[in-house]
Amino acid sequence: MKLAEALVLRADTQKKIAQLKQRIERVVKVQEGEVPAEEPNALIAELEQILKEQTAWIRKINKTNTLTPFNVELSISDALAERDQLMQHRKLLGDLLEQASIKQDRFSRSEVKFQRTVDVAGLQTQIDALSKAYRELDFQIQAMNWTTELLED
């Protein structure tokens, strides 16, 4: 099985867990004299089984990511950390850019006038470069996911 397939199956367990949680929430309490539409204990048992499945997928995926070289310097896990750092940096700069770009309307001369303390164009250039680096790294990671065999426990 390829790593990408395992990632899809892990995502499926995450969706099933969310759905089961909603189903359980709907039946854990009913009006006196009513019968729940589904048996809560059966749903809880199913949830526990799906959680075990999810843990197994996560363990296999993590093991594969840690032990598989991405390039001569990094494992796939390292590349994922780099990708996450690029996205976090891009988001932080994007938030700063948004704050610097908000126009302050003044209705009279006595109101406070604001000035930007950052180079908006420079920030945008940085954001664009980080976005490009993220996309390129993400594409390489995705390509590896489809060529890497999942390691078993």
N, C-alpha and C. Protein backbone atom coordinates (compact mmCIF):
# COMPACT_ATOMS: atom_id res chain seq x y z
N MET A 1 0.85 -1.18 0.00
CA MET A 1 0.00 0.00 0.00
C MET A 1 0.90 1.24 0.00
N LYS A 2 0.50 2.21 -0.77
CA LYS A 2 1.25 3.47 -0.83
C LYS A 2 0.88 4.37 0.35
N LEU A 3 1.80 5.23 0.71
CA LEU A 3 1.59 6.17 1.81
C LEU A 3 0.36 7.04 1.55
N ALA A 4 0.18 7.47 0.32
CA ALA A 4 -0.98 8.32 -0.01
C ALA A 4 -2.30 7.62 0.28
N GLU A 5 -2.35 6.31 0.01
CA GLU A 5 -3.57 5.55 0.29
C GLU A 5 -3.85 5.51 1.79
N ALA A 6 -2.80 5.31 2.57
CA ALA A 6 -2.95 5.29 4.02
C ALA A 6 -3.42 6.65 4.54
N LEU A 7 -2.93 7.72 3.94
CA LEU A 7 -3.37 9.06 4.35
C LEU A 7 -4.85 9.26 4.06
N VAL A 8 -5.33 8.72 2.96
CA VAL A 8 -6.76 8.80 2.63
C VAL A 8 -7.57 8.00 3.64
N LEU A 9 -7.09 6.81 3.98
CA LEU A 9 -7.81 5.98 4.95
C LEU A 9 -7.81 6.61 6.33
N ARG A 10 -6.71 7.27 6.70
CA ARG A 10 -6.68 7.99 7.98
C ARG A 10 -7.71 9.13 7.97
N ALA A 11 -7.79 9.86 6.87
CA ALA A 11 -8.77 10.94 6.75
C ALA A 11 -10.19 10.38 6.85
N ASP A 12 -10.41 9.21 6.27
CA ASP A 12 -11.73 8.57 6.37
C ASP A 12 -12.09 8.27 7.82
N THR A 13 -11.10 7.78 8.60
CA THR A 13 -11.40 7.51 10.02
C THR A 13 -11.72 8.79 10.76
N GLN A 14 -11.05 9.89 10.40
CA GLN A 14 -11.35 11.17 11.05
C GLN A 14 -12.78 11.60 10.76
N LYS A 15 -13.24 11.41 9.53
CA LYS A 15 -14.62 11.75 9.18
C LYS A 15 -15.61 10.85 9.91
N LYS A 16 -15.29 9.55 9.97
CA LYS A 16 -16.18 8.62 10.68
C LYS A 16 -16.29 8.98 12.16
N ILE A 17 -15.18 9.35 12.75
CA ILE A 17 -15.18 9.73 14.17
C ILE A 17 -16.08 10.95 14.39
N ALA A 18 -15.96 11.94 13.52
CA ALA A 18 -16.79 13.14 13.65
C ALA A 18 -18.27 12.80 13.48
N GLN A 19 -18.58 11.93 12.52
CA GLN A 19 -19.97 11.53 12.30
C GLN A 19 -20.52 10.75 13.48
N LEU A 20 -19.72 9.82 14.00
CA LEU A 20 -20.16 9.04 15.15
C LEU A 20 -20.39 9.93 16.37
N LYS A 21 -19.51 10.89 16.56
CA LYS A 21 -19.67 11.83 17.68
C LYS A 21 -21.03 12.54 17.57
N GLN A 22 -21.37 13.01 16.38
CA GLN A 22 -22.66 13.69 16.20
C GLN A 22 -23.83 12.73 16.46
N ARG A 23 -23.71 11.51 15.95
CA ARG A 23 -24.78 10.53 16.15
C ARG A 23 -24.96 10.21 17.64
N ILE A 24 -23.85 10.06 18.34
CA ILE A 24 -23.92 9.76 19.78
C ILE A 24 -24.53 10.93 20.54
N GLU A 25 -24.13 12.14 20.19
CA GLU A 25 -24.68 13.33 20.87
C GLU A 25 -26.20 13.42 20.72
N ARG A 26 -26.72 12.94 19.57
CA ARG A 26 -28.17 13.01 19.33
C ARG A 26 -28.96 11.99 20.15
N VAL A 27 -28.27 10.92 20.64
CA VAL A 27 -29.03 9.85 21.31
C VAL A 27 -28.65 9.64 22.77
N VAL A 28 -27.74 10.43 23.29
CA VAL A 28 -27.36 10.23 24.70
C VAL A 28 -28.42 10.74 25.67
N LYS A 29 -29.34 11.51 25.18
CA LYS A 29 -30.39 12.06 26.03
C LYS A 29 -31.68 12.10 25.22
N VAL A 30 -32.73 11.55 25.78
CA VAL A 30 -34.05 11.59 25.13
C VAL A 30 -35.08 11.97 26.17
N GLN A 31 -36.23 12.38 25.69
CA GLN A 31 -37.33 12.69 26.61
C GLN A 31 -37.75 11.44 27.35
N GLU A 32 -38.18 11.64 28.56
CA GLU A 32 -38.64 10.52 29.37
C GLU A 32 -39.72 9.76 28.61
N GLY A 33 -39.59 8.44 28.58
CA GLY A 33 -40.57 7.60 27.89
C GLY A 33 -40.24 7.37 26.42
N GLU A 34 -39.28 8.10 25.89
CA GLU A 34 -38.88 7.93 24.49
C GLU A 34 -37.76 6.91 24.40
N VAL A 35 -37.58 6.37 23.21
CA VAL A 35 -36.49 5.44 22.93
C VAL A 35 -35.55 6.12 21.94
N PRO A 36 -34.23 6.06 22.17
CA PRO A 36 -33.30 6.69 21.23
C PRO A 36 -33.37 6.03 19.85
N ALA A 37 -33.12 6.80 18.83
CA ALA A 37 -33.17 6.29 17.46
C ALA A 37 -32.09 5.24 17.20
N GLU A 38 -30.97 5.36 17.91
CA GLU A 38 -29.90 4.37 17.80
C GLU A 38 -29.42 4.02 19.20
N GLU A 39 -28.85 2.85 19.35
CA GLU A 39 -28.35 2.40 20.65
C GLU A 39 -27.03 3.10 20.95
N PRO A 40 -26.99 3.98 21.98
CA PRO A 40 -25.77 4.74 22.29
C PRO A 40 -24.56 3.86 22.57
N ASN A 41 -24.75 2.77 23.31
CA ASN A 41 -23.61 1.92 23.65
C ASN A 41 -23.00 1.25 22.42
N ALA A 42 -23.84 0.90 21.45
CA ALA A 42 -23.33 0.31 20.21
C ALA A 42 -22.52 1.36 19.43
N LEU A 43 -23.02 2.59 19.42
CA LEU A 43 -22.29 3.66 18.74
C LEU A 43 -20.96 3.96 19.43
N ILE A 44 -20.95 3.92 20.76
CA ILE A 44 -19.72 4.15 21.51
C ILE A 44 -18.71 3.04 21.21
N ALA A 45 -19.18 1.81 21.14
CA ALA A 45 -18.29 0.68 20.80
C ALA A 45 -17.72 0.85 19.39
N GLU A 46 -18.56 1.28 18.47
CA GLU A 46 -18.10 1.53 17.10
C GLU A 46 -17.07 2.66 17.08
N LEU A 47 -17.31 3.71 17.86
CA LEU A 47 -16.38 4.82 17.96
C LEU A 47 -15.03 4.34 18.49
N GLU A 48 -15.06 3.51 19.51
CA GLU A 48 -13.81 3.00 20.08
C GLU A 48 -13.03 2.18 19.05
N GLN A 49 -13.73 1.42 18.23
CA GLN A 49 -13.08 0.62 17.19
C GLN A 49 -12.44 1.52 16.13
N ILE A 50 -13.16 2.55 15.72
CA ILE A 50 -12.63 3.47 14.71
C ILE A 50 -11.43 4.23 15.27
N LEU A 51 -11.46 4.59 16.56
CA LEU A 51 -10.32 5.26 17.18
C LEU A 51 -9.08 4.36 17.16
N LYS A 52 -9.26 3.06 17.39
CA LYS A 52 -8.14 2.11 17.31
C LYS A 52 -7.60 2.04 15.89
N GLU A 53 -8.50 2.01 14.92
CA GLU A 53 -8.09 2.01 13.50
C GLU A 53 -7.28 3.26 13.18
N GLN A 54 -7.79 4.39 13.62
CA GLN A 54 -7.10 5.65 13.36
C GLN A 54 -5.69 5.64 13.97
N THR A 55 -5.58 5.16 15.18
CA THR A 55 -4.28 5.09 15.84
C THR A 55 -3.32 4.20 15.05
N ALA A 56 -3.81 3.08 14.55
CA ALA A 56 -2.97 2.18 13.75
C ALA A 56 -2.48 2.88 12.49
N TRP A 57 -3.37 3.61 11.80
CA TRP A 57 -2.96 4.34 10.59
C TRP A 57 -1.93 5.42 10.93
N ILE A 58 -2.17 6.14 12.00
CA ILE A 58 -1.24 7.21 12.40
C ILE A 58 0.13 6.63 12.71
N ARG A 59 0.17 5.52 13.42
CA ARG A 59 1.46 4.90 13.75
C ARG A 59 2.21 4.49 12.49
N LYS A 60 1.53 3.86 11.56
CA LYS A 60 2.16 3.42 10.31
C LYS A 60 2.64 4.61 9.48
N ILE A 61 1.81 5.63 9.41
CA ILE A 61 2.15 6.83 8.63
C ILE A 61 3.35 7.53 9.26
N ASN A 62 3.32 7.69 10.58
CA ASN A 62 4.43 8.35 11.27
C ASN A 62 5.73 7.57 11.10
N LYS A 63 5.66 6.26 11.23
CA LYS A 63 6.85 5.42 11.06
C LYS A 63 7.40 5.58 9.64
N THR A 64 6.53 5.53 8.66
CA THR A 64 6.95 5.68 7.26
C THR A 64 7.57 7.06 7.03
N ASN A 65 6.92 8.10 7.51
CA ASN A 65 7.43 9.46 7.32
C ASN A 65 8.78 9.66 7.99
N THR A 66 8.97 9.04 9.14
CA THR A 66 10.22 9.20 9.88
C THR A 66 11.38 8.44 9.23
N LEU A 67 11.10 7.26 8.72
CA LEU A 67 12.17 6.40 8.21
C LEU A 67 12.42 6.53 6.70
N THR A 68 11.60 7.31 6.01
CA THR A 68 11.77 7.47 4.57
C THR A 68 12.49 8.76 4.25
N PRO A 69 13.62 8.67 3.53
CA PRO A 69 14.34 9.89 3.14
C PRO A 69 13.54 10.71 2.13
N PHE A 70 13.49 12.00 2.35
CA PHE A 70 12.86 12.93 1.41
C PHE A 70 13.90 13.40 0.40
N ASN A 71 15.06 13.74 0.93
CA ASN A 71 16.23 14.07 0.11
C ASN A 71 17.46 13.69 0.92
N VAL A 72 18.64 14.13 0.54
CA VAL A 72 19.85 13.71 1.26
C VAL A 72 19.91 14.28 2.68
N GLU A 73 19.17 15.32 2.96
CA GLU A 73 19.22 15.97 4.27
C GLU A 73 18.02 15.68 5.16
N LEU A 74 16.87 15.43 4.58
CA LEU A 74 15.62 15.39 5.34
C LEU A 74 14.87 14.07 5.16
N SER A 75 14.13 13.70 6.21
CA SER A 75 13.14 12.63 6.07
C SER A 75 11.82 13.28 5.63
N ILE A 76 10.85 12.46 5.31
CA ILE A 76 9.53 13.03 4.97
C ILE A 76 8.99 13.81 6.17
N SER A 77 9.19 13.30 7.39
CA SER A 77 8.74 14.03 8.58
C SER A 77 9.37 15.41 8.66
N ASP A 78 10.67 15.49 8.37
CA ASP A 78 11.36 16.77 8.38
C ASP A 78 10.78 17.70 7.32
N ALA A 79 10.50 17.16 6.14
CA ALA A 79 9.93 17.98 5.06
C ALA A 79 8.55 18.49 5.45
N LEU A 80 7.76 17.66 6.13
CA LEU A 80 6.44 18.09 6.60
C LEU A 80 6.57 19.23 7.60
N ALA A 81 7.56 19.13 8.49
CA ALA A 81 7.79 20.20 9.47
C ALA A 81 8.19 21.49 8.76
N GLU A 82 9.05 21.37 7.75
CA GLU A 82 9.45 22.55 6.97
C GLU A 82 8.24 23.18 6.27
N ARG A 83 7.39 22.32 5.69
CA ARG A 83 6.19 22.81 5.00
C ARG A 83 5.27 23.54 5.97
N ASP A 84 5.09 22.97 7.16
CA ASP A 84 4.23 23.60 8.17
C ASP A 84 4.80 24.95 8.61
N GLN A 85 6.13 25.02 8.74
CA GLN A 85 6.77 26.28 9.13
C GLN A 85 6.57 27.34 8.05
N LEU A 86 6.69 26.94 6.77
CA LEU A 86 6.45 27.89 5.67
C LEU A 86 5.02 28.43 5.73
N MET A 87 4.05 27.55 5.97
CA MET A 87 2.65 27.98 6.02
C MET A 87 2.41 28.89 7.21
N GLN A 88 2.98 28.55 8.36
CA GLN A 88 2.79 29.39 9.55
C GLN A 88 3.42 30.77 9.33
N HIS A 89 4.61 30.81 8.76
CA HIS A 89 5.28 32.09 8.48
C HIS A 89 4.44 32.92 7.52
N ARG A 90 3.94 32.27 6.47
CA ARG A 90 3.11 32.95 5.47
C ARG A 90 1.84 33.51 6.10
N LYS A 91 1.22 32.72 6.97
CA LYS A 91 -0.01 33.17 7.62
C LYS A 91 0.25 34.36 8.54
N LEU A 92 1.32 34.29 9.31
CA LEU A 92 1.65 35.40 10.22
C LEU A 92 1.90 36.69 9.43
N LEU A 93 2.68 36.59 8.36
CA LEU A 93 2.93 37.79 7.55
C LEU A 93 1.65 38.28 6.87
N GLY A 94 0.81 37.34 6.46
CA GLY A 94 -0.48 37.71 5.85
C GLY A 94 -1.37 38.46 6.83
N ASP A 95 -1.38 38.01 8.08
CA ASP A 95 -2.15 38.70 9.10
C ASP A 95 -1.61 40.10 9.35
N LEU A 96 -0.27 40.23 9.38
CA LEU A 96 0.33 41.56 9.54
C LEU A 96 -0.02 42.47 8.37
N LEU A 97 0.05 41.90 7.18
CA LEU A 97 -0.28 42.68 5.98
C LEU A 97 -1.72 43.16 6.04
N GLU A 98 -2.61 42.30 6.49
CA GLU A 98 -4.01 42.69 6.60
C GLU A 98 -4.18 43.85 7.58
N GLN A 99 -3.50 43.77 8.72
CA GLN A 99 -3.58 44.85 9.71
C GLN A 99 -3.01 46.16 9.15
N ALA A 100 -1.91 46.06 8.42
CA ALA A 100 -1.29 47.26 7.87
C ALA A 100 -2.12 47.85 6.74
N SER A 101 -2.93 47.05 6.10
CA SER A 101 -3.70 47.50 4.95
C SER A 101 -5.07 48.06 5.30
N ILE A 102 -5.52 47.90 6.54
CA ILE A 102 -6.84 48.41 6.94
C ILE A 102 -6.82 49.93 6.91
N LYS A 103 -7.76 50.46 6.17
CA LYS A 103 -7.83 51.91 6.02
C LYS A 103 -8.59 52.49 7.21
N GLN A 104 -8.02 53.51 7.81
CA GLN A 104 -8.67 54.19 8.92
C GLN A 104 -9.32 55.47 8.38
N ASP A 105 -10.63 55.53 8.48
CA ASP A 105 -11.34 56.73 8.03
C ASP A 105 -11.32 57.78 9.14
N ARG A 106 -11.02 58.98 8.74
CA ARG A 106 -11.06 60.10 9.69
C ARG A 106 -12.23 61.00 9.31
N PHE A 107 -12.99 61.37 10.30
CA PHE A 107 -14.15 62.21 10.04
C PHE A 107 -13.91 63.66 10.44
N SER A 108 -12.88 63.89 11.21
CA SER A 108 -12.55 65.26 11.59
C SER A 108 -11.04 65.35 11.83
N ARG A 109 -10.50 66.57 11.88
CA ARG A 109 -9.05 66.76 12.07
C ARG A 109 -8.58 66.34 13.45
N SER A 110 -9.50 66.27 14.41
CA SER A 110 -9.10 65.93 15.78
C SER A 110 -8.94 64.41 15.99
N GLU A 111 -9.37 63.62 15.02
CA GLU A 111 -9.22 62.17 15.17
C GLU A 111 -7.78 61.75 14.91
N VAL A 112 -7.39 60.65 15.50
CA VAL A 112 -6.02 60.15 15.39
C VAL A 112 -5.77 59.64 13.98
N LYS A 113 -4.61 60.00 13.47
CA LYS A 113 -4.19 59.54 12.15
C LYS A 113 -3.16 58.43 12.35
N PHE A 114 -3.31 57.33 11.61
CA PHE A 114 -2.40 56.20 11.74
C PHE A 114 -1.43 56.17 10.57
N GLN A 115 -0.22 55.67 10.84
CA GLN A 115 0.80 55.49 9.81
C GLN A 115 1.24 54.04 9.82
N ARG A 116 1.57 53.51 8.66
CA ARG A 116 2.11 52.17 8.57
C ARG A 116 3.56 52.18 9.03
N THR A 117 3.96 51.14 9.72
CA THR A 117 5.35 51.03 10.18
C THR A 117 6.08 49.90 9.46
N VAL A 118 5.41 49.29 8.48
CA VAL A 118 6.03 48.22 7.70
C VAL A 118 5.89 48.51 6.22
N ASP A 119 6.75 47.91 5.43
CA ASP A 119 6.71 48.04 3.98
C ASP A 119 5.69 47.03 3.44
N VAL A 120 4.51 47.50 3.07
CA VAL A 120 3.43 46.63 2.62
C VAL A 120 3.85 45.86 1.36
N ALA A 121 4.46 46.52 0.41
CA ALA A 121 4.89 45.85 -0.82
C ALA A 121 5.95 44.79 -0.51
N GLY A 122 6.84 45.09 0.41
CA GLY A 122 7.86 44.12 0.80
C GLY A 122 7.25 42.91 1.47
N LEU A 123 6.27 43.15 2.34
CA LEU A 123 5.57 42.04 2.99
C LEU A 123 4.88 41.17 1.95
N GLN A 124 4.24 41.79 0.98
CA GLN A 124 3.53 41.03 -0.06
C GLN A 124 4.52 40.19 -0.87
N THR A 125 5.68 40.75 -1.15
CA THR A 125 6.71 39.99 -1.88
C THR A 125 7.15 38.77 -1.07
N GLN A 126 7.36 38.96 0.23
CA GLN A 126 7.73 37.85 1.12
C GLN A 126 6.63 36.78 1.15
N ILE A 127 5.39 37.23 1.25
CA ILE A 127 4.26 36.30 1.29
C ILE A 127 4.20 35.49 0.00
N ASP A 128 4.39 36.16 -1.12
CA ASP A 128 4.37 35.46 -2.41
C ASP A 128 5.48 34.43 -2.50
N ALA A 129 6.66 34.77 -2.03
CA ALA A 129 7.79 33.83 -2.05
C ALA A 129 7.53 32.63 -1.14
N LEU A 130 6.98 32.89 0.06
CA LEU A 130 6.66 31.80 0.97
C LEU A 130 5.57 30.90 0.40
N SER A 131 4.59 31.49 -0.24
CA SER A 131 3.51 30.71 -0.85
C SER A 131 4.06 29.80 -1.95
N LYS A 132 4.95 30.34 -2.76
CA LYS A 132 5.56 29.55 -3.83
C LYS A 132 6.40 28.41 -3.26
N ALA A 133 7.20 28.70 -2.24
CA ALA A 133 8.03 27.67 -1.62
C ALA A 133 7.15 26.57 -1.01
N TYR A 134 6.05 26.98 -0.38
CA TYR A 134 5.12 26.02 0.20
C TYR A 134 4.54 25.12 -0.89
N ARG A 135 4.06 25.72 -1.98
CA ARG A 135 3.45 24.93 -3.05
C ARG A 135 4.45 23.94 -3.64
N GLU A 136 5.66 24.39 -3.87
CA GLU A 136 6.68 23.51 -4.45
C GLU A 136 7.02 22.35 -3.52
N LEU A 137 7.20 22.64 -2.23
CA LEU A 137 7.51 21.59 -1.26
C LEU A 137 6.33 20.64 -1.10
N ASP A 138 5.13 21.19 -1.05
CA ASP A 138 3.93 20.36 -0.92
C ASP A 138 3.79 19.43 -2.11
N PHE A 139 4.07 19.92 -3.31
CA PHE A 139 3.99 19.09 -4.51
C PHE A 139 4.98 17.93 -4.42
N GLN A 140 6.19 18.20 -3.97
CA GLN A 140 7.20 17.15 -3.82
C GLN A 140 6.77 16.12 -2.78
N ILE A 141 6.20 16.59 -1.68
CA ILE A 141 5.72 15.67 -0.64
C ILE A 141 4.60 14.80 -1.19
N GLN A 142 3.65 15.41 -1.89
CA GLN A 142 2.53 14.65 -2.45
C GLN A 142 3.03 13.62 -3.45
N ALA A 143 4.01 13.97 -4.26
CA ALA A 143 4.57 13.03 -5.23
C ALA A 143 5.19 11.84 -4.49
N MET A 144 5.91 12.12 -3.41
CA MET A 144 6.52 11.04 -2.64
C MET A 144 5.46 10.14 -2.00
N ASN A 145 4.36 10.74 -1.57
CA ASN A 145 3.29 9.95 -0.95
C ASN A 145 2.78 8.87 -1.89
N TRP A 146 2.80 9.14 -3.20
CA TRP A 146 2.27 8.18 -4.18
C TRP A 146 3.32 7.18 -4.64
N THR A 147 4.58 7.37 -4.24
CA THR A 147 5.62 6.43 -4.64
C THR A 147 6.21 5.68 -3.45
N THR A 148 5.88 6.08 -2.23
CA THR A 148 6.44 5.49 -1.04
C THR A 148 5.54 4.39 -0.50
N GLU A 149 6.14 3.24 -0.24
CA GLU A 149 5.39 2.13 0.34
C GLU A 149 5.21 2.37 1.84
N LEU A 150 4.02 2.10 2.34
CA LEU A 150 3.72 2.25 3.76
C LEU A 150 4.46 1.17 4.54
N LEU A 151 5.16 1.55 5.59
CA LEU A 151 5.84 0.59 6.45
C LEU A 151 4.87 0.06 7.49
N GLU A 152 4.90 -1.22 7.70
CA GLU A 152 4.02 -1.86 8.68
C GLU A 152 4.69 -1.81 10.05
N ASP A 153 3.91 -1.97 11.10
CA ASP A 153 4.45 -1.99 12.47
C ASP A 153 5.39 -3.16 12.66
